[in-house]
Amino acid sequence: MCLAIPGKILEIQEQGPLRAARVQFGGIVRQVSLNFVPEARISDYVMVHVGFAISVVDAAEAERTYQLLEEMGALEAELPPAEP
């Protein structure tokens, strides 16, 4: 099952017409496309599904969602350890 996971934008890179960001999910940082959320800014929280940010959410909603996913044990499958 694929879920959208909330993460915090740490850094944004403009790559021509494409926007990408380093997004933190707990202790894991991943590269994410921001093309679907052009309004997203550094320190915003975004819901991420298969490498694409699909919406901007407030910090409280992001924290609630992250905690629920963690309690369900769903984060391990969605956020496997980063490759070396």
Protein backbone atom coordinates (compact mmCIF):
# COMPACT_ATOMS: atom_id res chain seq x y z
CA MET A 1 0.00 0.00 0.00
CA CYS A 2 1.37 3.42 -0.93
CA LEU A 3 0.62 6.33 1.36
CA ALA A 4 1.34 10.04 1.32
CA ILE A 5 3.86 10.88 4.03
CA PRO A 6 4.28 14.37 5.52
CA GLY A 7 7.74 15.91 5.43
CA LYS A 8 9.40 19.28 6.00
CA ILE A 9 11.13 21.11 3.14
CA LEU A 10 14.76 21.80 4.05
CA GLU A 11 16.09 23.13 0.75
CA ILE A 12 14.68 23.89 -2.70
CA GLN A 13 16.56 23.51 -5.99
CA GLU A 14 15.42 25.05 -9.25
CA GLN A 15 16.45 22.83 -12.16
CA GLY A 16 15.29 24.69 -15.25
CA PRO A 17 11.50 24.42 -15.31
CA LEU A 18 11.60 21.74 -12.60
CA ARG A 19 11.56 22.31 -8.84
CA ALA A 20 12.90 19.77 -6.39
CA ALA A 21 13.53 19.80 -2.67
CA ARG A 22 15.32 17.99 0.09
CA VAL A 23 12.51 16.93 2.42
CA GLN A 24 12.91 15.54 5.93
CA PHE A 25 10.71 12.69 7.17
CA GLY A 26 11.65 12.16 10.80
CA GLY A 27 15.37 11.38 10.58
CA ILE A 28 15.35 10.56 6.85
CA VAL A 29 15.98 13.12 4.09
CA ARG A 30 14.88 12.44 0.51
CA GLN A 31 14.78 14.29 -2.81
CA VAL A 32 11.20 15.20 -3.79
CA SER A 33 9.62 16.86 -6.82
CA LEU A 34 7.72 20.10 -6.07
CA ASN A 35 6.17 20.49 -9.52
CA PHE A 36 2.62 19.84 -8.22
CA VAL A 37 2.96 22.40 -5.39
CA PRO A 38 4.53 25.54 -6.87
CA GLU A 39 3.49 27.50 -3.77
CA ALA A 40 5.69 25.36 -1.46
CA ARG A 41 8.53 27.15 0.33
CA ILE A 42 11.41 26.22 2.65
CA SER A 43 10.09 25.14 6.10
CA ASP A 44 6.67 24.21 4.67
CA TYR A 45 5.31 20.74 5.27
CA VAL A 46 4.21 18.75 2.25
CA MET A 47 2.45 15.44 1.75
CA VAL A 48 4.66 13.25 -0.45
CA HIS A 49 3.52 10.29 -2.53
CA VAL A 50 6.04 8.25 -4.58
CA GLY A 51 8.56 11.11 -4.69
CA PHE A 52 6.12 13.91 -5.53
CA ALA A 53 4.82 16.53 -3.12
CA ILE A 54 1.06 16.58 -3.70
CA SER A 55 -0.11 19.19 -1.18
CA VAL A 56 1.10 21.67 1.40
CA VAL A 57 -0.16 21.05 4.96
CA ASP A 58 0.27 22.90 8.23
CA ALA A 59 2.79 21.68 10.82
CA ALA A 60 0.15 20.36 13.24
CA GLU A 61 -1.56 18.27 10.55
CA ALA A 62 1.80 16.93 9.36
CA GLU A 63 2.76 15.90 12.91
CA ARG A 64 -0.61 14.21 13.55
CA THR A 65 -0.41 12.27 10.29
CA TYR A 66 3.21 11.24 10.87
CA GLN A 67 2.41 10.00 14.40
CA LEU A 68 -0.57 7.97 13.16
CA LEU A 69 1.49 6.36 10.40
CA GLU A 70 4.24 5.58 12.90
CA GLU A 71 1.76 3.99 15.32
CA MET A 72 0.33 1.87 12.50
CA GLY A 73 3.83 0.69 11.58
CA ALA A 74 3.33 2.03 8.06
CA LEU A 75 6.44 4.20 7.88
CA GLU A 76 8.97 1.39 7.52
CA ALA A 77 7.44 0.21 4.25
CA GLU A 78 7.03 3.72 2.86
CA LEU A 79 10.41 5.11 3.98
CA PRO A 80 13.01 2.37 3.74
CA PRO A 81 16.53 3.41 4.77
CA ALA A 82 18.34 5.63 2.28
CA GLU A 83 20.77 3.90 -0.04
CA PRO A 84 24.47 4.61 0.70
